[in-house]
N, C-alpha and C. Protein backbone atom coordinates (compact mmCIF):
# COMPACT_ATOMS: atom_id res chain seq x y z
N MET A 1 1.01 -1.19 0.36
CA MET A 1 0.10 0.24 -0.41
C MET A 1 1.18 1.11 0.00
N SER A 2 2.32 1.15 0.28
CA SER A 2 2.87 2.50 0.41
C SER A 2 3.43 2.49 -0.60
N LYS A 3 3.76 1.27 -1.50
CA LYS A 3 4.02 1.65 -3.19
C LYS A 3 3.26 2.74 -3.63
N LEU A 4 1.93 2.52 -3.51
CA LEU A 4 0.91 3.08 -4.23
C LEU A 4 0.52 4.48 -3.57
N LYS A 5 0.53 4.63 -2.65
CA LYS A 5 1.31 5.79 -1.70
C LYS A 5 2.28 7.02 -2.33
N THR A 6 3.11 6.27 -2.09
CA THR A 6 4.29 6.85 -3.03
C THR A 6 4.00 7.45 -4.49
N TYR A 7 3.54 6.51 -5.13
CA TYR A 7 3.41 6.53 -6.46
C TYR A 7 2.55 7.73 -6.56
N PHE A 8 1.26 7.88 -6.18
CA PHE A 8 0.08 9.27 -6.14
C PHE A 8 1.17 10.59 -5.87
N ARG A 9 1.95 10.23 -4.44
CA ARG A 9 2.44 11.59 -4.11
C ARG A 9 3.51 11.91 -4.90
N GLU A 10 4.19 10.89 -5.72
CA GLU A 10 4.86 11.48 -6.68
C GLU A 10 4.23 11.86 -8.47
N ALA A 11 3.32 11.43 -8.43
CA ALA A 11 2.43 11.88 -9.76
C ALA A 11 2.02 13.01 -9.77
N LEU A 12 1.51 13.43 -8.68
CA LEU A 12 1.08 14.89 -8.14
C LEU A 12 2.07 15.81 -7.80
N TYR A 13 3.61 15.56 -7.47
CA TYR A 13 4.37 16.48 -7.45
C TYR A 13 4.70 16.35 -8.85
N GLU A 14 4.85 15.75 -9.58
CA GLU A 14 4.83 16.07 -11.14
C GLU A 14 4.01 16.64 -12.11
N LEU A 15 2.62 16.56 -11.57
CA LEU A 15 1.97 17.25 -12.29
C LEU A 15 1.68 18.66 -11.75
N ARG A 16 2.08 19.61 -10.99
CA ARG A 16 2.32 20.26 -10.17
C ARG A 16 3.71 21.00 -11.16
N LYS A 17 4.61 20.50 -11.85
CA LYS A 17 5.76 20.87 -12.50
C LYS A 17 5.17 21.24 -13.84
N VAL A 18 3.98 20.76 -14.25
CA VAL A 18 3.13 21.05 -15.75
C VAL A 18 2.70 22.49 -16.01
N THR A 19 3.59 23.04 -17.08
CA THR A 19 3.10 23.90 -17.93
C THR A 19 2.20 24.09 -18.42
N TRP A 20 0.21 24.20 -18.10
CA TRP A 20 -0.42 24.07 -18.72
C TRP A 20 -0.90 25.28 -19.70
N PRO A 21 -1.84 24.82 -20.90
CA PRO A 21 -1.71 25.67 -21.75
C PRO A 21 -2.79 27.26 -21.23
N THR A 22 -2.97 27.59 -21.73
CA THR A 22 -4.18 29.01 -21.53
C THR A 22 -4.88 28.93 -22.20
N LYS A 23 -5.75 29.03 -21.65
CA LYS A 23 -7.59 28.76 -22.41
C LYS A 23 -7.31 29.84 -23.76
N LYS A 24 -7.06 30.33 -23.90
CA LYS A 24 -6.57 31.14 -25.44
C LYS A 24 -5.79 30.37 -26.25
N GLN A 25 -4.74 29.54 -25.81
CA GLN A 25 -3.93 28.26 -26.70
C GLN A 25 -4.74 27.30 -26.87
N THR A 26 -5.70 26.84 -26.14
CA THR A 26 -6.58 25.52 -26.05
C THR A 26 -7.41 25.62 -27.05
N ILE A 27 -8.41 26.89 -26.79
CA ILE A 27 -8.92 27.19 -27.95
C ILE A 27 -8.64 27.18 -29.35
N ASN A 28 -7.07 27.72 -29.86
CA ASN A 28 -6.58 27.65 -30.69
C ASN A 28 -5.73 26.20 -31.55
N TYR A 29 -5.22 25.65 -30.53
CA TYR A 29 -5.09 24.40 -30.92
C TYR A 29 -5.99 23.67 -31.31
N SER A 30 -7.31 23.53 -30.54
CA SER A 30 -8.56 22.98 -30.82
C SER A 30 -9.10 23.34 -32.20
N ILE A 31 -9.00 24.61 -32.60
CA ILE A 31 -9.25 24.99 -33.87
C ILE A 31 -8.62 24.56 -35.32
N VAL A 32 -7.31 24.30 -34.68
CA VAL A 32 -6.46 23.91 -35.66
C VAL A 32 -6.32 22.73 -35.97
N VAL A 33 -7.14 21.75 -34.91
CA VAL A 33 -7.21 20.27 -34.68
C VAL A 33 -8.70 20.09 -35.77
N ILE A 34 -9.96 20.99 -35.34
CA ILE A 34 -10.68 20.73 -36.10
C ILE A 34 -10.66 21.22 -37.58
N ALA A 35 -10.08 22.22 -37.81
CA ALA A 35 -10.09 22.37 -39.36
C ALA A 35 -9.06 21.50 -39.83
N ILE A 36 -8.03 20.97 -39.42
CA ILE A 36 -6.99 19.95 -40.04
C ILE A 36 -7.77 18.76 -40.14
N THR A 37 -8.88 18.58 -39.36
CA THR A 37 -9.57 17.17 -39.33
C THR A 37 -10.40 17.17 -40.62
N ILE A 38 -11.38 18.52 -40.90
CA ILE A 38 -12.27 18.58 -41.57
C ILE A 38 -11.25 18.79 -43.06
N LEU A 39 -10.60 19.12 -43.16
CA LEU A 39 -9.66 19.20 -44.54
C LEU A 39 -9.00 18.00 -45.18
N MET A 40 -8.72 17.08 -43.93
CA MET A 40 -8.39 15.31 -44.26
C MET A 40 -9.60 14.97 -44.78
N ALA A 41 -10.51 15.32 -43.96
CA ALA A 41 -12.21 14.21 -44.12
C ALA A 41 -12.27 14.59 -45.78
N ILE A 42 -12.10 15.85 -45.82
CA ILE A 42 -12.44 16.49 -47.14
C ILE A 42 -11.73 15.63 -48.42
N PHE A 43 -10.47 15.95 -47.96
CA PHE A 43 -9.18 15.39 -49.22
C PHE A 43 -9.90 13.47 -49.74
N PHE A 44 -9.75 12.54 -48.34
CA PHE A 44 -10.33 11.84 -48.31
C PHE A 44 -11.31 11.53 -49.08
N ALA A 45 -12.33 12.29 -48.99
CA ALA A 45 -13.62 12.29 -49.90
C ALA A 45 -13.55 12.00 -50.95
N VAL A 46 -12.66 13.43 -51.61
CA VAL A 46 -12.17 13.64 -52.99
C VAL A 46 -11.55 12.01 -53.50
N LEU A 47 -10.51 12.04 -52.78
CA LEU A 47 -9.87 11.08 -53.25
C LEU A 47 -10.03 9.67 -53.43
N ASP A 48 -11.42 8.95 -52.60
CA ASP A 48 -12.44 8.46 -52.84
C ASP A 48 -13.14 8.32 -54.00
N ASP A 49 -13.67 9.25 -54.21
CA ASP A 49 -14.68 9.29 -55.37
C ASP A 49 -13.98 9.42 -56.36
N ILE A 50 -12.33 9.71 -56.78
CA ILE A 50 -11.74 9.66 -57.73
C ILE A 50 -11.60 8.28 -58.23
N PHE A 51 -10.98 7.40 -57.31
CA PHE A 51 -10.93 5.84 -57.16
C PHE A 51 -12.07 5.24 -57.26
N THR A 52 -13.22 5.94 -57.05
CA THR A 52 -14.72 5.33 -57.48
C THR A 52 -14.94 5.22 -58.58
N TRP A 53 -14.48 6.26 -59.46
CA TRP A 53 -14.95 6.82 -60.93
C TRP A 53 -13.48 6.08 -61.95
N LEU A 54 -12.36 5.72 -61.18
CA LEU A 54 -11.54 4.76 -62.27
C LEU A 54 -11.75 3.95 -62.01
N LEU A 55 -12.02 3.14 -61.07
CA LEU A 55 -12.71 2.07 -60.73
C LEU A 55 -13.90 0.89 -62.05
N SER A 56 -14.91 2.26 -61.79
CA SER A 56 -16.09 2.49 -62.46
C SER A 56 -15.62 2.04 -64.28
N VAL A 57 -14.49 3.21 -64.51
CA VAL A 57 -13.97 3.23 -66.12
C VAL A 57 -13.34 2.03 -66.13
N ILE A 58 -12.52 1.60 -65.61
CA ILE A 58 -11.46 0.06 -65.81
C ILE A 58 -12.52 -0.80 -65.71
N LEU A 59 -13.60 -0.96 -64.52
CA LEU A 59 -14.61 -2.61 -65.01
C LEU A 59 -15.56 -2.02 -65.80
């Protein structure tokens, strides 16, 4: 039990050293992630349509 207690104590100590992002940074990073996700979804949808068209032409 003391090992578990030590583990949590050390984990909390390490968490206090973390530099957490500001609210503005978090919002900006979230917007970037959402935008890239949307762009990648569009890219793969277009790619899928191209391959579907190519296969229909070939077959």
